[in-house]
PDB file of N, CA and C in Angstrom:
ATOM      1  N   MET A   1     -51.817 -47.106   5.466  1.00  0.00           N
ATOM      2  CA  MET A   1     -51.304 -46.297   4.370  1.00  0.00           C
ATOM      3  C   MET A   1     -49.797 -46.492   4.264  1.00  0.00           C
ATOM      4  N   ILE A   2     -49.329 -46.621   3.037  1.00  0.00           N
ATOM      5  CA  ILE A   2     -47.900 -46.803   2.796  1.00  0.00           C
ATOM      6  C   ILE A   2     -47.481 -46.002   1.571  1.00  0.00           C
ATOM      7  N   GLN A   3     -46.260 -45.512   1.615  1.00  0.00           N
ATOM      8  CA  GLN A   3     -45.685 -44.818   0.472  1.00  0.00           C
ATOM      9  C   GLN A   3     -44.328 -45.448   0.186  1.00  0.00           C
ATOM     10  N   ILE A   4     -44.106 -45.780  -1.082  1.00  0.00           N
ATOM     11  CA  ILE A   4     -42.870 -46.448  -1.481  1.00  0.00           C
ATOM     12  C   ILE A   4     -42.268 -45.721  -2.669  1.00  0.00           C
ATOM     13  N   ASP A   5     -40.981 -45.373  -2.539  1.00  0.00           N
ATOM     14  CA  ASP A   5     -40.231 -44.736  -3.618  1.00  0.00           C
ATOM     15  C   ASP A   5     -38.875 -45.425  -3.706  1.00  0.00           C
ATOM     16  N   ALA A   6     -38.324 -45.486  -4.909  1.00  0.00           N
ATOM     17  CA  ALA A   6     -37.024 -46.124  -5.089  1.00  0.00           C
ATOM     18  C   ALA A   6     -36.047 -45.164  -5.760  1.00  0.00           C
ATOM     19  N   GLU A   7     -34.786 -45.300  -5.364  1.00  0.00           N
ATOM     20  CA  GLU A   7     -33.692 -44.558  -5.986  1.00  0.00           C
ATOM     21  C   GLU A   7     -32.635 -45.554  -6.430  1.00  0.00           C
ATOM     22  N   GLU A   8     -32.039 -45.291  -7.574  1.00  0.00           N
ATOM     23  CA  GLU A   8     -31.009 -46.177  -8.092  1.00  0.00           C
ATOM     24  C   GLU A   8     -29.687 -45.439  -8.139  1.00  0.00           C
ATOM     25  N   PHE A   9     -28.653 -46.075  -7.592  1.00  0.00           N
ATOM     26  CA  PHE A   9     -27.303 -45.528  -7.586  1.00  0.00           C
ATOM     27  C   PHE A   9     -26.384 -46.586  -8.192  1.00  0.00           C
ATOM     28  N   GLY A  10     -26.352 -46.655  -9.506  1.00  0.00           N
ATOM     29  CA  GLY A  10     -25.567 -47.694 -10.162  1.00  0.00           C
ATOM     30  C   GLY A  10     -26.150 -49.058  -9.856  1.00  0.00           C
ATOM     31  N   ARG A  11     -25.362 -49.891  -9.190  1.00  0.00           N
ATOM     32  CA  ARG A  11     -25.787 -51.265  -8.871  1.00  0.00           C
ATOM     33  C   ARG A  11     -26.431 -51.372  -7.484  1.00  0.00           C
ATOM     34  N   VAL A  12     -26.763 -50.208  -6.899  1.00  0.00           N
ATOM     35  CA  VAL A  12     -27.386 -50.157  -5.573  1.00  0.00           C
ATOM     36  C   VAL A  12     -28.743 -49.464  -5.687  1.00  0.00           C
ATOM     37  N   ILE A  13     -29.747 -50.076  -5.089  1.00  0.00           N
ATOM     38  CA  ILE A  13     -31.093 -49.495  -5.094  1.00  0.00           C
ATOM     39  C   ILE A  13     -31.544 -49.305  -3.648  1.00  0.00           C
ATOM     40  N   ILE A  14     -32.071 -48.119  -3.378  1.00  0.00           N
ATOM     41  CA  ILE A  14     -32.661 -47.846  -2.065  1.00  0.00           C
ATOM     42  C   ILE A  14     -34.167 -47.715  -2.254  1.00  0.00           C
ATOM     43  N   ILE A  15     -34.910 -48.512  -1.498  1.00  0.00           N
ATOM     44  CA  ILE A  15     -36.370 -48.444  -1.521  1.00  0.00           C
ATOM     45  C   ILE A  15     -36.804 -47.778  -0.215  1.00  0.00           C
ATOM     46  N   HIS A  16     -37.370 -46.595  -0.323  1.00  0.00           N
ATOM     47  CA  HIS A  16     -37.840 -45.848   0.840  1.00  0.00           C
ATOM     48  C   HIS A  16     -39.273 -46.277   1.142  1.00  0.00           C
ATOM     49  N   VAL A  17     -39.491 -46.730   2.366  1.00  0.00           N
ATOM     50  CA  VAL A  17     -40.811 -47.185   2.788  1.00  0.00           C
ATOM     51  C   VAL A  17     -41.273 -46.293   3.938  1.00  0.00           C
ATOM     52  N   ALA A  18     -42.414 -45.641   3.759  1.00  0.00           N
ATOM     53  CA  ALA A  18     -42.954 -44.751   4.786  1.00  0.00           C
ATOM     54  C   ALA A  18     -44.382 -45.158   5.118  1.00  0.00           C
ATOM     55  N   GLY A  19     -44.728 -45.056   6.381  1.00  0.00           N
ATOM     56  CA  GLY A  19     -46.095 -45.369   6.799  1.00  0.00           C
ATOM     57  C   GLY A  19     -46.157 -46.642   7.601  1.00  0.00           C
ATOM     58  N   ILE A  20     -47.167 -47.435   7.318  1.00  0.00           N
ATOM     59  CA  ILE A  20     -47.432 -48.654   8.072  1.00  0.00           C
ATOM     60  C   ILE A  20     -47.375 -49.851   7.128  1.00  0.00           C
ATOM     61  N   LEU A  21     -46.532 -50.813   7.461  1.00  0.00           N
ATOM     62  CA  LEU A  21     -46.377 -52.013   6.646  1.00  0.00           C
ATOM     63  C   LEU A  21     -47.129 -53.151   7.340  1.00  0.00           C
ATOM     64  N   THR A  22     -48.294 -53.493   6.778  1.00  0.00           N
ATOM     65  CA  THR A  22     -49.153 -54.523   7.347  1.00  0.00           C
ATOM     66  C   THR A  22     -49.621 -55.465   6.249  1.00  0.00           C
ATOM     67  N   ARG A  23     -50.409 -56.449   6.650  1.00  0.00           N
ATOM     68  CA  ARG A  23     -50.937 -57.394   5.651  1.00  0.00           C
ATOM     69  C   ARG A  23     -51.746 -56.670   4.578  1.00  0.00           C
ATOM     70  N   GLU A  24     -52.336 -55.519   4.918  1.00  0.00           N
ATOM     71  CA  GLU A  24     -53.107 -54.752   3.942  1.00  0.00           C
ATOM     72  C   GLU A  24     -52.216 -54.015   2.934  1.00  0.00           C
ATOM     73  N   THR A  25     -50.978 -53.711   3.325  1.00  0.00           N
ATOM     74  CA  THR A  25     -50.104 -52.932   2.442  1.00  0.00           C
ATOM     75  C   THR A  25     -48.917 -53.718   1.892  1.00  0.00           C
ATOM     76  N   ILE A  26     -48.736 -54.954   2.356  1.00  0.00           N
ATOM     77  CA  ILE A  26     -47.553 -55.720   1.957  1.00  0.00           C
ATOM     78  C   ILE A  26     -47.515 -56.002   0.456  1.00  0.00           C
ATOM     79  N   ARG A  27     -48.648 -56.171  -0.177  1.00  0.00           N
ATOM     80  CA  ARG A  27     -48.667 -56.441  -1.631  1.00  0.00           C
ATOM     81  C   ARG A  27     -48.019 -55.295  -2.405  1.00  0.00           C
ATOM     82  N   GLU A  28     -48.344 -54.076  -2.021  1.00  0.00           N
ATOM     83  CA  GLU A  28     -47.756 -52.910  -2.678  1.00  0.00           C
ATOM     84  C   GLU A  28     -46.235 -52.896  -2.489  1.00  0.00           C
ATOM     85  N   ALA A  29     -45.788 -53.217  -1.293  1.00  0.00           N
ATOM     86  CA  ALA A  29     -44.348 -53.279  -1.029  1.00  0.00           C
ATOM     87  C   ALA A  29     -43.699 -54.386  -1.849  1.00  0.00           C
ATOM     88  N   GLU A  30     -44.329 -55.546  -1.918  1.00  0.00           N
ATOM     89  CA  GLU A  30     -43.768 -56.655  -2.695  1.00  0.00           C
ATOM     90  C   GLU A  30     -43.679 -56.325  -4.178  1.00  0.00           C
ATOM     91  N   GLU A  31     -44.661 -55.626  -4.700  1.00  0.00           N
ATOM     92  CA  GLU A  31     -44.602 -55.210  -6.107  1.00  0.00           C
ATOM     93  C   GLU A  31     -43.397 -54.315  -6.348  1.00  0.00           C
ATOM     94  N   ALA A  32     -43.130 -53.400  -5.429  1.00  0.00           N
ATOM     95  CA  ALA A  32     -41.967 -52.514  -5.561  1.00  0.00           C
ATOM     96  C   ALA A  32     -40.676 -53.320  -5.471  1.00  0.00           C
ATOM     97  N   TRP A  33     -40.587 -54.259  -4.505  1.00  0.00           N
ATOM     98  CA  TRP A  33     -39.391 -55.081  -4.370  1.00  0.00           C
ATOM     99  C   TRP A  33     -39.161 -55.903  -5.622  1.00  0.00           C
ATOM    100  N   ASP A  34     -40.225 -56.519  -6.138  1.00  0.00           N
ATOM    101  CA  ASP A  34     -40.091 -57.359  -7.326  1.00  0.00           C
ATOM    102  C   ASP A  34     -39.624 -56.554  -8.534  1.00  0.00           C
ATOM    103  N   GLU A  35     -40.165 -55.360  -8.684  1.00  0.00           N
ATOM    104  CA  GLU A  35     -39.739 -54.507  -9.797  1.00  0.00           C
ATOM    105  C   GLU A  35     -38.248 -54.201  -9.708  1.00  0.00           C
ATOM    106  N   GLU A  36     -37.773 -53.883  -8.513  1.00  0.00           N
ATOM    107  CA  GLU A  36     -36.355 -53.553  -8.345  1.00  0.00           C
ATOM    108  C   GLU A  36     -35.465 -54.789  -8.475  1.00  0.00           C
ATOM    109  N   LEU A  37     -35.942 -55.947  -8.031  1.00  0.00           N
ATOM    110  CA  LEU A  37     -35.181 -57.186  -8.220  1.00  0.00           C
ATOM    111  C   LEU A  37     -34.955 -57.462  -9.698  1.00  0.00           C
ATOM    112  N   GLY A  38     -35.919 -57.090 -10.514  1.00  0.00           N
ATOM    113  CA  GLY A  38     -35.806 -57.287 -11.958  1.00  0.00           C
ATOM    114  C   GLY A  38     -34.680 -56.481 -12.593  1.00  0.00           C
ATOM    115  N   ARG A  39     -34.191 -55.490 -11.903  1.00  0.00           N
ATOM    116  CA  ARG A  39     -33.060 -54.683 -12.406  1.00  0.00           C
ATOM    117  C   ARG A  39     -31.706 -55.351 -12.113  1.00  0.00           C
ATOM    118  N   HIS A  40     -31.717 -56.421 -11.325  1.00  0.00           N
ATOM    119  CA  HIS A  40     -30.534 -57.204 -10.973  1.00  0.00           C
ATOM    120  C   HIS A  40     -29.417 -56.368 -10.347  1.00  0.00           C
ATOM    121  N   PRO A  41     -29.732 -55.634  -9.285  1.00  0.00           N
ATOM    122  CA  PRO A  41     -28.683 -54.855  -8.616  1.00  0.00           C
ATOM    123  C   PRO A  41     -27.797 -55.761  -7.765  1.00  0.00           C
ATOM    124  N   ASP A  42     -26.726 -55.200  -7.244  1.00  0.00           N
ATOM    125  CA  ASP A  42     -25.883 -55.930  -6.292  1.00  0.00           C
ATOM    126  C   ASP A  42     -26.468 -55.841  -4.885  1.00  0.00           C
ATOM    127  N   VAL A  43     -27.088 -54.682  -4.586  1.00  0.00           N
ATOM    128  CA  VAL A  43     -27.613 -54.424  -3.241  1.00  0.00           C
ATOM    129  C   VAL A  43     -28.970 -53.743  -3.347  1.00  0.00           C
ATOM    130  N   ILE A  44     -29.888 -54.174  -2.491  1.00  0.00           N
ATOM    131  CA  ILE A  44     -31.146 -53.453  -2.294  1.00  0.00           C
ATOM    132  C   ILE A  44     -31.216 -53.097  -0.822  1.00  0.00           C
ATOM    133  N   ALA A  45     -31.414 -51.814  -0.554  1.00  0.00           N
ATOM    134  CA  ALA A  45     -31.576 -51.343   0.824  1.00  0.00           C
ATOM    135  C   ALA A  45     -33.021 -50.931   1.028  1.00  0.00           C
ATOM    136  N   LEU A  46     -33.598 -51.395   2.108  1.00  0.00           N
ATOM    137  CA  LEU A  46     -34.926 -50.953   2.504  1.00  0.00           C
ATOM    138  C   LEU A  46     -34.735 -49.846   3.528  1.00  0.00           C
ATOM    139  N   ASP A  47     -35.082 -48.631   3.153  1.00  0.00           N
ATOM    140  CA  ASP A  47     -34.960 -47.482   4.046  1.00  0.00           C
ATOM    141  C   ASP A  47     -36.235 -47.399   4.874  1.00  0.00           C
ATOM    142  N   PHE A  48     -36.117 -47.765   6.142  1.00  0.00           N
ATOM    143  CA  PHE A  48     -37.269 -47.790   7.043  1.00  0.00           C
ATOM    144  C   PHE A  48     -37.286 -46.595   7.990  1.00  0.00           C
ATOM    145  N   LYS A  49     -36.590 -45.532   7.633  1.00  0.00           N
ATOM    146  CA  LYS A  49     -36.540 -44.353   8.499  1.00  0.00           C
ATOM    147  C   LYS A  49     -37.942 -43.852   8.846  1.00  0.00           C
ATOM    148  N   ASN A  50     -38.827 -43.838   7.881  1.00  0.00           N
ATOM    149  CA  ASN A  50     -40.182 -43.321   8.079  1.00  0.00           C
ATOM    150  C   ASN A  50     -41.229 -44.420   8.198  1.00  0.00           C
ATOM    151  N   LEU A  51     -40.784 -45.619   8.551  1.00  0.00           N
ATOM    152  CA  LEU A  51     -41.709 -46.712   8.796  1.00  0.00           C
ATOM    153  C   LEU A  51     -42.199 -46.603  10.236  1.00  0.00           C
ATOM    154  N   ALA A  52     -43.484 -46.406  10.402  1.00  0.00           N
ATOM    155  CA  ALA A  52     -44.057 -46.201  11.735  1.00  0.00           C
ATOM    156  C   ALA A  52     -44.414 -47.502  12.424  1.00  0.00           C
ATOM    157  N   GLN A  53     -44.790 -48.511  11.636  1.00  0.00           N
ATOM    158  CA  GLN A  53     -45.283 -49.752  12.229  1.00  0.00           C
ATOM    159  C   GLN A  53     -45.099 -50.884  11.229  1.00  0.00           C
ATOM    160  N   ILE A  54     -44.888 -52.089  11.759  1.00  0.00           N
ATOM    161  CA  ILE A  54     -44.789 -53.280  10.919  1.00  0.00           C
ATOM    162  C   ILE A  54     -45.445 -54.430  11.671  1.00  0.00           C
ATOM    163  N   ASP A  55     -46.149 -55.287  10.950  1.00  0.00           N
ATOM    164  CA  ASP A  55     -46.789 -56.431  11.612  1.00  0.00           C
ATOM    165  C   ASP A  55     -46.024 -57.719  11.311  1.00  0.00           C
ATOM    166  N   SER A  56     -46.446 -58.801  11.956  1.00  0.00           N
ATOM    167  CA  SER A  56     -45.746 -60.076  11.818  1.00  0.00           C
ATOM    168  C   SER A  56     -45.829 -60.638  10.406  1.00  0.00           C
ATOM    169  N   VAL A  57     -46.923 -60.384   9.723  1.00  0.00           N
ATOM    170  CA  VAL A  57     -47.054 -60.852   8.335  1.00  0.00           C
ATOM    171  C   VAL A  57     -45.976 -60.203   7.473  1.00  0.00           C
ATOM    172  N   SER A  58     -45.781 -58.917   7.636  1.00  0.00           N
ATOM    173  CA  SER A  58     -44.778 -58.192   6.849  1.00  0.00           C
ATOM    174  C   SER A  58     -43.364 -58.624   7.200  1.00  0.00           C
ATOM    175  N   ILE A  59     -43.125 -58.897   8.478  1.00  0.00           N
ATOM    176  CA  ILE A  59     -41.808 -59.388   8.890  1.00  0.00           C
ATOM    177  C   ILE A  59     -41.531 -60.726   8.213  1.00  0.00           C
ATOM    178  N   ASN A  60     -42.522 -61.586   8.159  1.00  0.00           N
ATOM    179  CA  ASN A  60     -42.369 -62.870   7.477  1.00  0.00           C
ATOM    180  C   ASN A  60     -42.042 -62.670   5.996  1.00  0.00           C
ATOM    181  N   HIS A  61     -42.658 -61.698   5.372  1.00  0.00           N
ATOM    182  CA  HIS A  61     -42.377 -61.417   3.960  1.00  0.00           C
ATOM    183  C   HIS A  61     -40.946 -60.915   3.777  1.00  0.00           C
ATOM    184  N   ILE A  62     -40.429 -60.185   4.736  1.00  0.00           N
ATOM    185  CA  ILE A  62     -39.035 -59.730   4.654  1.00  0.00           C
ATOM    186  C   ILE A  62     -38.092 -60.924   4.803  1.00  0.00           C
ATOM    187  N   PHE A  63     -38.406 -61.860   5.686  1.00  0.00           N
ATOM    188  CA  PHE A  63     -37.622 -63.102   5.786  1.00  0.00           C
ATOM    189  C   PHE A  63     -37.583 -63.802   4.430  1.00  0.00           C
ATOM    190  N   ARG A  64     -38.744 -63.956   3.818  1.00  0.00           N
ATOM    191  CA  ARG A  64     -38.809 -64.640   2.514  1.00  0.00           C
ATOM    192  C   ARG A  64     -38.069 -63.858   1.435  1.00  0.00           C
ATOM    193  N   LEU A  65     -38.181 -62.538   1.456  1.00  0.00           N
ATOM    194  CA  LEU A  65     -37.450 -61.709   0.497  1.00  0.00           C
ATOM    195  C   LEU A  65     -35.948 -61.913   0.670  1.00  0.00           C
ATOM    196  N   SER A  66     -35.496 -61.964   1.894  1.00  0.00           N
ATOM    197  CA  SER A  66     -34.077 -62.173   2.167  1.00  0.00           C
ATOM    198  C   SER A  66     -33.582 -63.499   1.595  1.00  0.00           C
ATOM    199  N   ARG A  67     -34.335 -64.566   1.831  1.00  0.00           N
ATOM    200  CA  ARG A  67     -33.946 -65.883   1.285  1.00  0.00           C
ATOM    201  C   ARG A  67     -33.918 -65.851  -0.245  1.00  0.00           C
ATOM    202  N   ARG A  68     -34.923 -65.243  -0.815  1.00  0.00           N
ATOM    203  CA  ARG A  68     -35.002 -65.153  -2.283  1.00  0.00           C
ATOM    204  C   ARG A  68     -33.814 -64.369  -2.844  1.00  0.00           C
ATOM    205  N   MET A  69     -33.468 -63.283  -2.180  1.00  0.00           N
ATOM    206  CA  MET A  69     -32.343 -62.479  -2.658  1.00  0.00           C
ATOM    207  C   MET A  69     -31.022 -63.214  -2.496  1.00  0.00           C
ATOM    208  N   ASP A  70     -30.872 -63.992  -1.423  1.00  0.00           N
ATOM    209  CA  ASP A  70     -29.673 -64.818  -1.258  1.00  0.00           C
ATOM    210  C   ASP A  70     -29.519 -65.781  -2.429  1.00  0.00           C
ATOM    211  N   GLU A  71     -30.630 -66.365  -2.858  1.00  0.00           N
ATOM    212  CA  GLU A  71     -30.598 -67.337  -3.954  1.00  0.00           C
ATOM    213  C   GLU A  71     -30.137 -66.719  -5.267  1.00  0.00           C
ATOM    214  N   ILE A  72     -30.442 -65.434  -5.473  1.00  0.00           N
ATOM    215  CA  ILE A  72     -30.061 -64.780  -6.733  1.00  0.00           C
ATOM    216  C   ILE A  72     -28.886 -63.816  -6.535  1.00  0.00           C
ATOM    217  N   ASN A  73     -28.212 -63.956  -5.380  1.00  0.00           N
ATOM    218  CA  ASN A  73     -26.975 -63.232  -5.102  1.00  0.00           C
ATOM    219  C   ASN A  73     -27.141 -61.706  -5.091  1.00  0.00           C
ATOM    220  N   ILE A  74     -28.218 -61.242  -4.461  1.00  0.00           N
ATOM    221  CA  ILE A  74     -28.426 -59.817  -4.242  1.00  0.00           C
ATOM    222  C   ILE A  74     -28.450 -59.608  -2.734  1.00  0.00           C
ATOM    223  N   ARG A  75     -27.710 -58.624  -2.281  1.00  0.00           N
ATOM    224  CA  ARG A  75     -27.611 -58.365  -0.845  1.00  0.00           C
ATOM    225  C   ARG A  75     -28.760 -57.467  -0.384  1.00  0.00           C
ATOM    226  N   LEU A  76     -29.376 -57.829   0.734  1.00  0.00           N
ATOM    227  CA  LEU A  76     -30.452 -57.036   1.327  1.00  0.00           C
ATOM    228  C   LEU A  76     -29.937 -56.373   2.596  1.00  0.00           C
ATOM    229  N   VAL A  77     -30.185 -55.065   2.708  1.00  0.00           N
ATOM    230  CA  VAL A  77     -29.787 -54.293   3.882  1.00  0.00           C
ATOM    231  C   VAL A  77     -30.980 -53.444   4.303  1.00  0.00           C
ATOM    232  N   ILE A  78     -31.179 -53.309   5.597  1.00  0.00           N
ATOM    233  CA  ILE A  78     -32.199 -52.405   6.119  1.00  0.00           C
ATOM    234  C   ILE A  78     -31.481 -51.222   6.745  1.00  0.00           C
ATOM    235  N   ILE A  79     -31.905 -50.010   6.360  1.00  0.00           N
ATOM    236  CA  ILE A  79     -31.256 -48.819   6.898  1.00  0.00           C
ATOM    237  C   ILE A  79     -32.244 -47.960   7.675  1.00  0.00           C
ATOM    238  N   ASP A  80     -31.692 -47.293   8.673  1.00  0.00           N
ATOM    239  CA  ASP A  80     -32.414 -46.330   9.507  1.00  0.00           C
ATOM    240  C   ASP A  80     -33.681 -46.896  10.134  1.00  0.00           C
ATOM    241  N   LEU A  81     -33.562 -48.039  10.749  1.00  0.00           N
ATOM    242  CA  LEU A  81     -34.673 -48.657  11.466  1.00  0.00           C
ATOM    243  C   LEU A  81     -34.768 -48.018  12.852  1.00  0.00           C
ATOM    244  N   SER A  82     -35.956 -47.611  13.251  1.00  0.00           N
ATOM    245  CA  SER A  82     -36.146 -46.980  14.563  1.00  0.00           C
ATOM    246  C   SER A  82     -35.828 -47.980  15.673  1.00  0.00           C
ATOM    247  N   GLU A  83     -35.498 -47.470  16.848  1.00  0.00           N
ATOM    248  CA  GLU A  83     -35.164 -48.335  17.982  1.00  0.00           C
ATOM    249  C   GLU A  83     -36.306 -49.289  18.360  1.00  0.00           C
ATOM    250  N   PRO A  84     -37.562 -48.819  18.434  1.00  0.00           N
ATOM    251  CA  PRO A  84     -38.641 -49.772  18.766  1.00  0.00           C
ATOM    252  C   PRO A  84     -38.774 -50.901  17.735  1.00  0.00           C
ATOM    253  N   LEU A  85     -38.645 -50.563  16.456  1.00  0.00           N
ATOM    254  CA  LEU A  85     -38.744 -51.606  15.426  1.00  0.00           C
ATOM    255  C   LEU A  85     -37.508 -52.495  15.438  1.00  0.00           C
ATOM    256  N   LYS A  86     -36.354 -51.916  15.746  1.00  0.00           N
ATOM    257  CA  LYS A  86     -35.125 -52.702  15.830  1.00  0.00           C
ATOM    258  C   LYS A  86     -35.259 -53.774  16.908  1.00  0.00           C
ATOM    259  N   LYS A  87     -35.895 -53.423  18.023  1.00  0.00           N
ATOM    260  CA  LYS A  87     -36.092 -54.405  19.099  1.00  0.00           C
ATOM    261  C   LYS A  87     -36.993 -55.552  18.634  1.00  0.00           C
ATOM    262  N   ILE A  88     -38.015 -55.231  17.860  1.00  0.00           N
ATOM    263  CA  ILE A  88     -38.887 -56.277  17.307  1.00  0.00           C
ATOM    264  C   ILE A  88     -38.088 -57.184  16.384  1.00  0.00           C
ATOM    265  N   PHE A  89     -37.263 -56.592  15.522  1.00  0.00           N
ATOM    266  CA  PHE A  89     -36.459 -57.387  14.594  1.00  0.00           C
ATOM    267  C   PHE A  89     -35.486 -58.282  15.363  1.00  0.00           C
ATOM    268  N   GLU A  90     -34.969 -57.800  16.486  1.00  0.00           N
ATOM    269  CA  GLU A  90     -34.063 -58.614  17.302  1.00  0.00           C
ATOM    270  C   GLU A  90     -34.810 -59.772  17.953  1.00  0.00           C
ATOM    271  N   VAL A  91     -36.013 -59.527  18.454  1.00  0.00           N
ATOM    272  CA  VAL A  91     -36.808 -60.573  19.108  1.00  0.00           C
ATOM    273  C   VAL A  91     -37.111 -61.706  18.131  1.00  0.00           C
ATOM    274  N   VAL A  92     -37.469 -61.357  16.894  1.00  0.00           N
ATOM    275  CA  VAL A  92     -37.798 -62.394  15.909  1.00  0.00           C
ATOM    276  C   VAL A  92     -36.554 -62.875  15.150  1.00  0.00           C
ATOM    277  N   LYS A  93     -35.400 -62.329  15.536  1.00  0.00           N
ATOM    278  CA  LYS A  93     -34.100 -62.715  14.980  1.00  0.00           C
ATOM    279  C   LYS A  93     -33.921 -62.352  13.506  1.00  0.00           C
ATOM    280  N   LEU A  94     -34.684 -61.391  13.029  1.00  0.00           N
ATOM    281  CA  LEU A  94     -34.506 -60.932  11.656  1.00  0.00           C
ATOM    282  C   LEU A  94     -33.161 -60.231  11.497  1.00  0.00           C
ATOM    283  N   ASP A  95     -32.645 -59.660  12.574  1.00  0.00           N
ATOM    284  CA  ASP A  95     -31.348 -58.994  12.527  1.00  0.00           C
ATOM    285  C   ASP A  95     -30.205 -59.975  12.259  1.00  0.00           C
ATOM    286  N   ARG A  96     -30.452 -61.270  12.428  1.00  0.00           N
ATOM    287  CA  ARG A  96     -29.441 -62.284  12.112  1.00  0.00           C
ATOM    288  C   ARG A  96     -29.463 -62.669  10.636  1.00  0.00           C
ATOM    289  N   VAL A  97     -30.561 -62.330   9.972  1.00  0.00           N
ATOM    290  CA  VAL A  97     -30.738 -62.697   8.565  1.00  0.00           C
ATOM    291  C   VAL A  97     -30.456 -61.513   7.647  1.00  0.00           C
ATOM    292  N   VAL A  98     -30.830 -60.324   8.104  1.00  0.00           N
ATOM    293  CA  VAL A  98     -30.686 -59.111   7.300  1.00  0.00           C
ATOM    294  C   VAL A  98     -29.830 -58.114   8.072  1.00  0.00           C
ATOM    295  N   ARG A  99     -28.878 -57.545   7.408  1.00  0.00           N
ATOM    296  CA  ARG A  99     -28.018 -56.539   8.044  1.00  0.00           C
ATOM    297  C   ARG A  99     -28.814 -55.254   8.248  1.00  0.00           C
ATOM    298  N   ILE A 100     -28.754 -54.706   9.463  1.00  0.00           N
ATOM    299  CA  ILE A 100     -29.450 -53.474   9.813  1.00  0.00           C
ATOM    300  C   ILE A 100     -28.396 -52.450  10.226  1.00  0.00           C
ATOM    301  N   ILE A 101     -28.312 -51.342   9.453  1.00  0.00           N
ATOM    302  CA  ILE A 101     -27.284 -50.334   9.730  1.00  0.00           C
ATOM    303  C   ILE A 101     -27.849 -48.925   9.547  1.00  0.00           C
ATOM    304  N   PRO A 102     -27.201 -47.943  10.145  1.00  0.00           N
ATOM    305  CA  PRO A 102     -27.612 -46.548   9.922  1.00  0.00           C
ATOM    306  C   PRO A 102     -27.302 -46.116   8.488  1.00  0.00           C
ATOM    307  N   LYS A 103     -28.035 -45.119   8.018  1.00  0.00           N
ATOM    308  CA  LYS A 103     -27.882 -44.660   6.636  1.00  0.00           C
ATOM    309  C   LYS A 103     -26.468 -44.163   6.346  1.00  0.00           C
ATOM    310  N   ASN A 104     -25.870 -43.440   7.280  1.00  0.00           N
ATOM    311  CA  ASN A 104     -24.524 -42.915   7.015  1.00  0.00           C
ATOM    312  C   ASN A 104     -23.503 -44.041   6.837  1.00  0.00           C
ATOM    313  N   LYS A 105     -23.641 -45.111   7.598  1.00  0.00           N
ATOM    314  CA  LYS A 105     -22.749 -46.259   7.432  1.00  0.00           C
ATOM    315  C   LYS A 105     -23.012 -46.960   6.099  1.00  0.00           C
ATOM    316  N   PHE A 106     -24.287 -47.075   5.743  1.00  0.00           N
ATOM    317  CA  PHE A 106     -24.649 -47.661   4.453  1.00  0.00           C
ATOM    318  C   PHE A 106     -24.034 -46.859   3.308  1.00  0.00           C
ATOM    319  N   GLU A 107     -24.195 -45.541   3.354  1.00  0.00           N
ATOM    320  CA  GLU A 107     -23.649 -44.684   2.301  1.00  0.00           C
ATOM    321  C   GLU A 107     -22.137 -44.809   2.197  1.00  0.00           C
ATOM    322  N   ALA A 108     -21.449 -44.838   3.328  1.00  0.00           N
ATOM    323  CA  ALA A 108     -19.996 -44.955   3.330  1.00  0.00           C
ATOM    324  C   ALA A 108     -19.538 -46.290   2.740  1.00  0.00           C
ATOM    325  N   GLU A 109     -20.285 -47.342   2.992  1.00  0.00           N
ATOM    326  CA  GLU A 109     -19.892 -48.668   2.538  1.00  0.00           C
ATOM    327  C   GLU A 109     -20.323 -48.982   1.113  1.00  0.00           C
ATOM    328  N   PHE A 110     -21.532 -48.566   0.731  1.00  0.00           N
ATOM    329  CA  PHE A 110     -22.090 -48.999  -0.545  1.00  0.00           C
ATOM    330  C   PHE A 110     -22.197 -47.900  -1.608  1.00  0.00           C
ATOM    331  N   LEU A 111     -22.120 -46.644  -1.220  1.00  0.00           N
ATOM    332  CA  LEU A 111     -22.261 -45.556  -2.189  1.00  0.00           C
ATOM    333  C   LEU A 111     -20.996 -44.721  -2.275  1.00  0.00           C
ATOM    334  N   LYS A 112     -19.867 -45.359  -2.284  1.00  0.00           N
ATOM    335  CA  LYS A 112     -18.560 -44.682  -2.330  1.00  0.00           C
ATOM    336  C   LYS A 112     -18.390 -43.927  -3.629  1.00  0.00           C
TER     337      LYS A 112
END
């Protein structure tokens, strides 16, 4: 089960993802990402505060999303990633491709 909601703050969009992100739910997440990409923001943040679990298929999709966003000059940031998930992202080196920061730091930097 997954729940996805988006908020727009000018040229910044935050996509809140709650639940479990797996091969069964990744299509729904991709539809939300694609819709927001169509708005041509400067930054898209994936708020993973309430993300309980993620599988390798979904991590691969985030890698691909990051590359795609680089090509169209949109910055991808992940906010409020739990410590267990952060360790997974470090092991697969996703933290080298996508910036991972706490929400308060994100707000201070991008929502001034």
